[in-house]
C-alpha atoms as a PDB file:
ATOM      1  CA  MET A   1    -121.658  25.027 -70.279  1.00  0.00           C
ATOM      2  CA  PRO A   2    -120.017  21.778 -71.509  1.00  0.00           C
ATOM      3  CA  SER A   3    -120.792  18.569 -69.688  1.00  0.00           C
ATOM      4  CA  SER A   4    -118.014  17.152 -67.591  1.00  0.00           C
ATOM      5  CA  PRO A   5    -116.302  13.996 -68.946  1.00  0.00           C
ATOM      6  CA  ALA A   6    -116.541  12.307 -65.527  1.00  0.00           C
ATOM      7  CA  ARG A   7    -120.342  12.385 -65.655  1.00  0.00           C
ATOM      8  CA  LYS A   8    -121.915   9.100 -66.782  1.00  0.00           C
ATOM      9  CA  LYS A   9    -124.673   9.075 -69.354  1.00  0.00           C
ATOM     10  CA  LYS A  10    -127.543   6.610 -69.169  1.00  0.00           C
ATOM     11  CA  GLY A  11    -127.004   3.602 -71.380  1.00  0.00           C
ATOM     12  CA  ALA A  12    -123.208   4.020 -71.430  1.00  0.00           C
ATOM     13  CA  PRO A  13    -121.271   0.761 -71.064  1.00  0.00           C
ATOM     14  CA  VAL A  14    -119.823   0.033 -67.648  1.00  0.00           C
ATOM     15  CA  THR A  15    -116.043   0.310 -67.668  1.00  0.00           C
ATOM     16  CA  GLY A  16    -113.231   0.664 -65.170  1.00  0.00           C
ATOM     17  CA  ALA A  17    -113.766   0.296 -61.460  1.00  0.00           C
ATOM     18  CA  PRO A  18    -117.512  -0.561 -61.480  1.00  0.00           C
ATOM     19  CA  LEU A  19    -116.928  -3.410 -63.928  1.00  0.00           C
ATOM     20  CA  TYR A  20    -114.008  -4.713 -61.843  1.00  0.00           C
ATOM     21  CA  LEU A  21    -116.117  -4.605 -58.666  1.00  0.00           C
ATOM     22  CA  ARG A  22    -118.931  -6.502 -60.386  1.00  0.00           C
ATOM     23  CA  TRP A  23    -116.502  -9.223 -61.456  1.00  0.00           C
ATOM     24  CA  LEU A  24    -115.137  -9.474 -57.915  1.00  0.00           C
ATOM     25  CA  SER A  25    -118.689  -9.680 -56.576  1.00  0.00           C
ATOM     26  CA  LEU A  26    -119.484 -12.488 -58.996  1.00  0.00           C
ATOM     27  CA  LEU A  27    -116.276 -14.309 -58.045  1.00  0.00           C
ATOM     28  CA  CYS A  28    -117.142 -14.109 -54.337  1.00  0.00           C
ATOM     29  CA  ALA A  29    -120.664 -15.389 -55.045  1.00  0.00           C
ATOM     30  CA  VAL A  30    -119.331 -18.345 -57.045  1.00  0.00           C
ATOM     31  CA  MET A  31    -116.863 -19.230 -54.282  1.00  0.00           C
ATOM     32  CA  ALA A  32    -119.673 -19.029 -51.702  1.00  0.00           C
ATOM     33  CA  LEU A  33    -121.804 -21.381 -53.824  1.00  0.00           C
ATOM     34  CA  PHE A  34    -118.867 -23.779 -54.069  1.00  0.00           C
ATOM     35  CA  CYS A  35    -118.505 -23.651 -50.283  1.00  0.00           C
ATOM     36  CA  VAL A  36    -122.205 -24.465 -49.846  1.00  0.00           C
ATOM     37  CA  GLY A  37    -121.848 -27.299 -52.349  1.00  0.00           C
ATOM     38  CA  VAL A  38    -118.971 -28.775 -50.361  1.00  0.00           C
ATOM     39  CA  PHE A  39    -121.174 -28.747 -47.259  1.00  0.00           C
ATOM     40  CA  VAL A  40    -124.210 -30.197 -49.057  1.00  0.00           C
ATOM     41  CA  ILE A  41    -122.423 -33.156 -50.645  1.00  0.00           C
ATOM     42  CA  GLY A  42    -120.657 -33.886 -47.369  1.00  0.00           C
ATOM     43  CA  TYR A  43    -117.068 -33.563 -48.581  1.00  0.00           C
ATOM     44  CA  LYS A  44    -116.192 -31.437 -45.552  1.00  0.00           C
ATOM     45  CA  ASP A  45    -118.135 -30.831 -42.372  1.00  0.00           C
ATOM     46  CA  PRO A  46    -119.003 -27.242 -41.476  1.00  0.00           C
ATOM     47  CA  SER A  47    -116.529 -25.910 -38.939  1.00  0.00           C
ATOM     48  CA  PHE A  48    -116.253 -22.454 -37.435  1.00  0.00           C
ATOM     49  CA  GLY A  49    -113.607 -21.380 -39.948  1.00  0.00           C
ATOM     50  CA  ARG A  50    -115.469 -22.736 -42.977  1.00  0.00           C
ATOM     51  CA  VAL A  51    -118.751 -21.120 -41.955  1.00  0.00           C
ATOM     52  CA  ALA A  52    -116.949 -17.846 -41.211  1.00  0.00           C
ATOM     53  CA  THR A  53    -115.411 -18.000 -44.689  1.00  0.00           C
ATOM     54  CA  LEU A  54    -118.839 -18.577 -46.221  1.00  0.00           C
ATOM     55  CA  VAL A  55    -120.296 -15.606 -44.327  1.00  0.00           C
ATOM     56  CA  ALA A  56    -117.350 -13.402 -45.332  1.00  0.00           C
ATOM     57  CA  LEU A  57    -117.772 -14.356 -48.997  1.00  0.00           C
ATOM     58  CA  VAL A  58    -121.503 -13.583 -48.949  1.00  0.00           C
ATOM     59  CA  VAL A  59    -120.953 -10.236 -47.206  1.00  0.00           C
ATOM     60  CA  ALA A  60    -118.125  -9.338 -49.597  1.00  0.00           C
ATOM     61  CA  SER A  61    -120.234 -10.238 -52.624  1.00  0.00           C
ATOM     62  CA  VAL A  62    -123.099  -7.994 -51.526  1.00  0.00           C
ATOM     63  CA  ALA A  63    -120.783  -5.144 -50.495  1.00  0.00           C
ATOM     64  CA  LEU A  64    -118.875  -5.230 -53.780  1.00  0.00           C
ATOM     65  CA  LEU A  65    -122.091  -5.281 -55.793  1.00  0.00           C
ATOM     66  CA  LEU A  66    -123.428  -2.268 -53.891  1.00  0.00           C
ATOM     67  CA  ALA A  67    -120.119  -0.434 -54.351  1.00  0.00           C
ATOM     68  CA  SER A  68    -120.169  -1.083 -58.090  1.00  0.00           C
ATOM     69  CA  LYS A  69    -123.698   0.282 -58.365  1.00  0.00           C
ATOM     70  CA  ARG A  70    -122.744   3.374 -56.366  1.00  0.00           C
ATOM     71  CA  LEU A  71    -119.734   4.060 -58.616  1.00  0.00           C
ATOM     72  CA  SER A  72    -121.672   3.549 -61.827  1.00  0.00           C
ATOM     73  CA  ARG A  73    -124.172   6.311 -61.002  1.00  0.00           C
END
């Protein structure tokens, strides 16, 4: 019985959707770090909207990373 082409082999490079989701996860993490940096240096004070944005970026980063791992299996 031939193996299906959709099945991933161990050690195969990550391509397509999992790679895209990892890049989006990294982008969200970098933006969250920038947001924290803005708060730390005192450029802007934390407001409800800014803190909500920070929380959304952290949650999105984790969710996208988990989704990329699930797709790469």
